[in-house]
Amino acid sequence: MKTVFIIVMLAIITLSDKAQAYVTITIPGEEIPGEGHFALIASGSSSSPQRLFADNYDPSYGSAFGVGLVITPEKMSNVHIGTFYLNFSRDLVRLKSSIASRFNLDEITSASLSSIHIGGNVGLPLVLSKHFIVSPYLGWGIGGSRFSIAEKAYKKSGQSTLSELKSENNMVQLSTYQQFGILSSGLDHISLQYSYDLMNVERAWMVWHSMISGTISYVITNGVPGVLSKTFPQEVRRSLPFRLAVLAYQMTVSLLWYDFNYEHHNWPFDDDSPLRYHRQMIALNYYF
């Protein structure tokens, strides 16, 4: 659903002479017309390995660059509501010194995760005026990632990546993420975002299992509150307390499912555990 929406929005931009797409923005208490602007997104990040990955690697840094669509209220180009984008990123990690010493790899300690994702996020404005916005948001993304460690290090470690990916070095794998963040904008055509991303990299052959499990997760996280919200009057659904309650539910369920999905990966199947790392990212958006 989210992917289809992203593709449609980007297609509208491509076909439009003004490179703008018109949408409706729902905020507590009202709906206001919005428009989409072509955007460039530059990001800096720090990455923290998790689980088995964390046993052998230390956190390091990364960067990302994206192009896509920024949603703003109509004729308010200084206020940014949501983002839909194609994102290229490279996250670095380093072998722990004890692991590097064990395999005589003191000069070859870095590894990278190079990724391309289609993603998006939509905010829930807490402060919205003609000049300023502060908005928490949830985001999602799907694409591919390639884990790379130097061939010499790979061979010396017994042809192992020393992570959940085992022997899949320099091979493109299925990659998804969930994102929790906050954005702020007030300058014309410029906005700033901070996000905490839960990154998930699994072997490409699991794609069909992942699609089924991901659908179940989506229904639990988004479908359930969507159905239940229809039992409330419209004015209640648009109220800030109600939307914050839905946001809290989605965040809680996402975190619980993310943890559950490591031990029972792609439930109801029982696939090998995915590689996990957390990423903190600061992004600067410039939109036209």
Protein backbone atom coordinates (compact mmCIF):
# COMPACT_ATOMS: atom_id res chain seq x y z
CA MET A 1 0.00 0.00 0.00
CA LYS A 2 2.71 2.48 1.00
CA THR A 3 4.90 1.46 -1.95
CA VAL A 4 2.02 1.93 -4.42
CA PHE A 5 1.34 5.38 -3.00
CA ILE A 6 5.00 6.37 -3.35
CA ILE A 7 5.11 5.23 -6.99
CA VAL A 8 1.89 7.09 -7.83
CA MET A 9 3.13 10.29 -6.23
CA LEU A 10 6.46 10.17 -8.03
CA ALA A 11 4.67 9.50 -11.31
CA ILE A 12 2.50 12.57 -10.79
CA ILE A 13 5.62 14.67 -10.27
CA THR A 14 7.20 13.34 -13.47
CA LEU A 15 4.12 14.11 -15.55
CA SER A 16 3.41 17.53 -14.10
CA ASP A 17 4.79 20.64 -15.80
CA LYS A 18 5.08 22.35 -12.43
CA ALA A 19 6.65 19.30 -10.70
CA GLN A 20 3.95 19.48 -8.03
CA ALA A 21 1.35 16.97 -6.86
CA TYR A 22 -1.73 17.92 -4.87
CA VAL A 23 -2.84 15.95 -1.82
CA THR A 24 -4.99 16.34 1.28
CA ILE A 25 -3.32 16.69 4.69
CA THR A 26 -5.30 15.60 7.75
CA ILE A 27 -4.37 17.26 11.02
CA PRO A 28 -6.29 17.21 14.31
CA GLY A 29 -9.58 18.98 13.73
CA GLU A 30 -9.39 19.67 10.01
CA GLU A 31 -8.26 18.68 6.55
CA ILE A 32 -6.19 21.13 4.55
CA PRO A 33 -5.05 21.02 0.91
CA GLY A 34 -1.41 20.14 0.41
CA GLU A 35 1.08 19.90 -2.41
CA GLY A 36 4.14 17.83 -3.21
CA HIS A 37 7.55 19.27 -4.03
CA PHE A 38 10.58 17.56 -5.54
CA ALA A 39 13.20 17.22 -2.78
CA LEU A 40 16.88 16.48 -2.21
CA ILE A 41 17.72 14.82 1.11
CA ALA A 42 21.23 14.66 2.61
CA SER A 43 21.84 12.71 5.83
CA GLY A 44 24.55 11.84 8.31
CA SER A 45 24.16 8.83 10.61
CA SER A 46 25.67 6.60 13.26
CA SER A 47 25.05 2.84 13.25
CA SER A 48 24.95 0.43 16.19
CA PRO A 49 25.10 -3.35 15.52
CA GLN A 50 22.67 -5.54 17.47
CA ARG A 51 22.55 -9.18 18.65
CA LEU A 52 25.17 -11.49 17.06
CA PHE A 53 26.30 -8.64 14.80
CA ALA A 54 27.14 -6.65 17.95
CA ASP A 55 29.30 -9.47 19.35
CA ASN A 56 31.91 -8.88 16.65
CA TYR A 57 31.44 -5.28 15.48
CA ASP A 58 31.57 -1.82 17.05
CA PRO A 59 29.33 1.13 16.08
CA SER A 60 30.51 3.55 13.44
CA TYR A 61 29.11 6.21 11.12
CA GLY A 62 27.41 6.53 7.75
CA SER A 63 25.80 8.84 5.23
CA ALA A 64 22.84 8.88 2.88
CA PHE A 65 21.45 10.83 -0.05
CA GLY A 66 17.91 10.74 -1.35
CA VAL A 67 15.54 12.23 -3.91
CA GLY A 68 11.78 12.26 -3.65
CA LEU A 69 8.70 14.15 -2.65
CA VAL A 70 8.07 16.46 0.30
CA ILE A 71 4.47 17.21 1.34
CA THR A 72 3.64 20.75 2.48
CA PRO A 73 0.38 22.59 3.14
CA GLU A 74 -0.71 24.48 0.02
CA LYS A 75 1.19 27.76 -0.47
CA MET A 76 3.21 27.16 2.73
CA SER A 77 6.59 26.07 1.42
CA ASN A 78 8.26 26.68 4.81
CA VAL A 79 6.23 23.93 6.55
CA HIS A 80 7.01 20.27 5.79
CA ILE A 81 4.58 17.45 6.73
CA GLY A 82 5.84 14.21 5.17
CA THR A 83 8.47 12.71 2.88
CA PHE A 84 8.45 9.96 0.21
CA TYR A 85 11.79 9.14 -1.35
CA LEU A 86 14.37 6.92 -3.01
CA ASN A 87 17.34 6.76 -0.67
CA PHE A 88 20.96 5.62 -1.11
CA SER A 89 22.94 4.97 2.08
CA ARG A 90 26.25 3.55 3.27
CA ASP A 91 26.66 2.53 6.90
CA LEU A 92 30.07 1.61 8.30
CA VAL A 93 30.96 -0.64 11.24
CA ARG A 94 34.30 -1.88 12.56
CA LEU A 95 35.46 -5.24 13.84
CA LYS A 96 36.07 -5.27 17.58
CA SER A 97 39.79 -5.12 18.37
CA SER A 98 39.68 -8.51 20.10
CA ILE A 99 38.13 -10.14 17.00
CA ALA A 100 40.57 -8.42 14.64
CA SER A 101 43.52 -9.60 16.74
CA ARG A 102 42.24 -13.18 16.82
CA PHE A 103 42.24 -13.33 13.01
CA ASN A 104 45.31 -11.08 12.52
CA LEU A 105 43.22 -8.38 10.88
CA ASP A 106 44.46 -5.28 12.67
CA GLU A 107 44.74 -3.33 9.40
CA ILE A 108 41.45 -4.53 7.93
CA THR A 109 38.74 -3.76 10.45
CA SER A 110 35.96 -1.93 8.61
CA ALA A 111 32.85 -3.34 6.93
CA SER A 112 30.00 -1.58 5.18
CA LEU A 113 26.31 -1.95 4.44
CA SER A 114 25.45 -0.22 1.15
CA SER A 115 21.70 0.12 0.63
CA ILE A 116 19.01 1.49 -1.63
CA HIS A 117 15.49 1.90 -0.22
CA ILE A 118 12.13 3.22 -1.27
CA GLY A 119 10.64 4.76 1.84
CA GLY A 120 8.39 7.33 3.36
CA ASN A 121 7.19 8.96 6.54
CA VAL A 122 4.12 10.96 7.50
CA GLY A 123 4.06 13.33 10.44
CA LEU A 124 1.53 14.06 13.15
CA PRO A 125 1.88 17.85 13.67
CA LEU A 126 2.02 18.92 17.32
CA VAL A 127 2.79 22.54 16.44
CA LEU A 128 1.62 23.85 13.07
CA SER A 129 1.53 27.48 12.02
CA LYS A 130 2.33 29.46 8.90
CA HIS A 131 5.91 29.80 10.06
CA PHE A 132 6.87 26.70 12.02
CA ILE A 133 6.13 23.01 12.56
CA VAL A 134 7.22 20.32 15.01
CA SER A 135 5.96 16.85 14.18
CA PRO A 136 6.75 13.30 15.33
CA TYR A 137 6.47 10.69 12.60
CA LEU A 138 6.65 7.01 11.72
CA GLY A 139 8.47 5.82 8.61
CA TRP A 140 9.02 2.62 6.62
CA GLY A 141 11.31 1.50 3.85
CA ILE A 142 12.12 -1.52 1.73
CA GLY A 143 14.97 -2.28 -0.66
CA GLY A 144 18.28 -4.08 -0.86
CA SER A 145 21.53 -4.02 1.14
CA ARG A 146 24.97 -5.43 0.47
CA PHE A 147 27.22 -6.34 3.38
CA SER A 148 30.90 -5.97 2.44
CA ILE A 149 34.05 -6.83 4.35
CA ALA A 150 37.50 -7.00 2.77
CA GLU A 151 38.12 -10.28 0.95
CA LYS A 152 41.27 -10.89 3.00
CA ALA A 153 39.32 -10.52 6.24
CA TYR A 154 36.53 -12.70 4.88
CA LYS A 155 38.94 -15.53 4.03
CA LYS A 156 40.90 -15.31 7.28
CA SER A 157 37.69 -15.54 9.31
CA GLY A 158 36.77 -18.83 7.62
CA GLN A 159 34.73 -17.26 4.81
CA SER A 160 32.35 -15.72 7.32
CA THR A 161 31.00 -12.20 7.70
CA LEU A 162 31.00 -12.78 11.48
CA SER A 163 27.34 -11.77 11.52
CA GLU A 164 23.91 -13.33 10.99
CA LEU A 165 24.54 -13.19 7.24
CA LYS A 166 27.21 -15.90 7.69
CA SER A 167 28.90 -16.38 4.30
CA GLU A 168 26.88 -13.85 2.26
CA ASN A 169 29.68 -11.34 1.65
CA ASN A 170 29.25 -8.78 -1.17
CA MET A 171 25.81 -10.18 -2.00
CA VAL A 172 22.63 -8.09 -2.24
CA GLN A 173 20.07 -9.06 0.42
CA LEU A 174 16.51 -8.00 1.23
CA SER A 175 16.48 -4.97 3.53
CA THR A 176 13.68 -3.20 5.43
CA TYR A 177 13.50 -0.64 8.19
CA GLN A 178 11.11 1.06 10.59
CA GLN A 179 11.68 4.64 11.54
CA PHE A 180 10.68 6.77 14.53
CA GLY A 181 11.49 10.44 14.28
CA ILE A 182 10.68 14.08 14.60
CA LEU A 183 10.87 16.81 11.99
CA SER A 184 11.04 20.56 12.29
CA SER A 185 10.79 23.21 9.61
CA GLY A 186 10.34 26.94 9.48
CA LEU A 187 12.74 28.15 6.81
CA ASP A 188 11.46 28.41 3.26
CA HIS A 189 12.06 25.12 1.37
CA ILE A 190 14.31 23.68 4.12
CA SER A 191 13.51 21.21 6.91
CA LEU A 192 15.44 19.14 9.44
CA GLN A 193 14.65 15.59 10.58
CA TYR A 194 15.98 13.29 13.29
CA SER A 195 15.14 9.59 13.19
CA TYR A 196 15.91 6.37 15.02
CA ASP A 197 15.84 3.54 12.48
CA LEU A 198 15.45 -0.18 13.19
CA MET A 199 17.32 -1.82 10.31
CA ASN A 200 16.69 -5.40 9.19
CA VAL A 201 18.77 -7.32 6.59
CA GLU A 202 17.85 -10.89 5.67
CA ARG A 203 18.84 -13.36 2.99
CA ALA A 204 17.19 -12.68 -0.36
CA TRP A 205 15.74 -16.20 -0.64
CA MET A 206 13.39 -15.38 2.27
CA VAL A 207 11.48 -12.79 0.26
CA TRP A 208 8.18 -14.71 0.00
CA HIS A 209 8.20 -15.57 3.69
CA SER A 210 9.03 -11.94 4.44
CA MET A 211 6.09 -10.68 2.33
CA ILE A 212 3.62 -12.90 4.21
CA SER A 213 5.04 -12.03 7.62
CA GLY A 214 5.25 -8.34 6.69
CA THR A 215 1.58 -8.33 5.67
CA ILE A 216 0.62 -9.80 9.04
CA SER A 217 2.73 -7.16 10.78
CA TYR A 218 1.12 -4.37 8.71
CA VAL A 219 -2.39 -5.56 9.56
CA ILE A 220 -1.58 -5.68 13.27
CA THR A 221 0.22 -2.33 13.30
CA ASN A 222 -1.96 -0.29 10.93
CA GLY A 223 -5.07 -2.27 10.03
CA VAL A 224 -6.30 -2.88 13.57
CA PRO A 225 -6.26 0.80 14.67
CA GLY A 226 -7.73 1.75 11.28
CA VAL A 227 -10.73 -0.54 11.73
CA LEU A 228 -11.25 0.38 15.39
CA SER A 229 -11.02 4.11 14.66
CA LYS A 230 -14.07 3.86 12.39
CA THR A 231 -16.19 3.11 15.47
CA PHE A 232 -15.47 6.63 16.78
CA PRO A 233 -17.03 9.88 15.54
CA GLN A 234 -15.02 11.83 12.98
CA GLU A 235 -14.31 14.69 15.39
CA VAL A 236 -12.80 12.20 17.85
CA ARG A 237 -10.64 10.54 15.16
CA ARG A 238 -9.23 13.93 14.17
CA SER A 239 -8.49 15.03 17.73
CA LEU A 240 -4.89 15.27 18.88
CA PRO A 241 -5.27 12.91 21.91
CA PHE A 242 -6.80 10.19 19.72
CA ARG A 243 -4.11 10.45 17.05
CA LEU A 244 -1.38 10.42 19.71
CA ALA A 245 -2.94 7.27 21.18
CA VAL A 246 -2.85 5.61 17.73
CA LEU A 247 0.77 6.71 17.28
CA ALA A 248 1.69 5.25 20.70
CA TYR A 249 -0.02 1.96 19.78
CA GLN A 250 1.81 1.75 16.45
CA MET A 251 5.19 2.47 18.04
CA THR A 252 4.67 -0.08 20.81
CA VAL A 253 3.49 -2.84 18.47
CA SER A 254 6.31 -2.11 16.01
CA LEU A 255 8.94 -2.42 18.72
CA LEU A 256 7.44 -5.62 20.14
CA TRP A 257 7.15 -7.20 16.69
CA TYR A 258 10.71 -6.16 15.78
CA ASP A 259 12.06 -7.94 18.86
CA PHE A 260 9.80 -10.98 18.42
CA ASN A 261 10.79 -11.26 14.76
CA TYR A 262 14.44 -11.87 15.59
CA GLU A 263 13.81 -15.10 17.48
CA HIS A 264 10.85 -16.17 15.28
CA HIS A 265 11.90 -14.60 12.01
CA ASN A 266 9.16 -14.23 9.37
CA TRP A 267 6.55 -15.81 11.65
CA PRO A 268 4.56 -18.02 11.06
CA PHE A 269 7.69 -19.41 9.38
CA ASP A 270 10.88 -19.96 11.37
CA ASP A 271 13.68 -18.62 9.16
CA ASP A 272 17.26 -17.83 10.13
CA SER A 273 17.54 -14.65 12.20
CA PRO A 274 18.23 -11.43 10.25
CA LEU A 275 21.15 -9.07 10.66
CA ARG A 276 20.07 -6.15 12.82
CA TYR A 277 21.48 -2.73 13.47
CA HIS A 278 20.06 0.52 14.78
CA ARG A 279 20.76 3.79 13.03
CA GLN A 280 20.41 7.35 14.27
CA MET A 281 20.09 9.78 11.41
CA ILE A 282 19.97 13.54 10.99
CA ALA A 283 18.66 14.64 7.60
CA LEU A 284 18.56 18.02 5.89
CA ASN A 285 15.83 18.35 3.24
CA TYR A 286 15.82 20.92 0.47
CA TYR A 287 12.70 21.02 -1.68
CA PHE A 288 11.77 23.05 -4.75
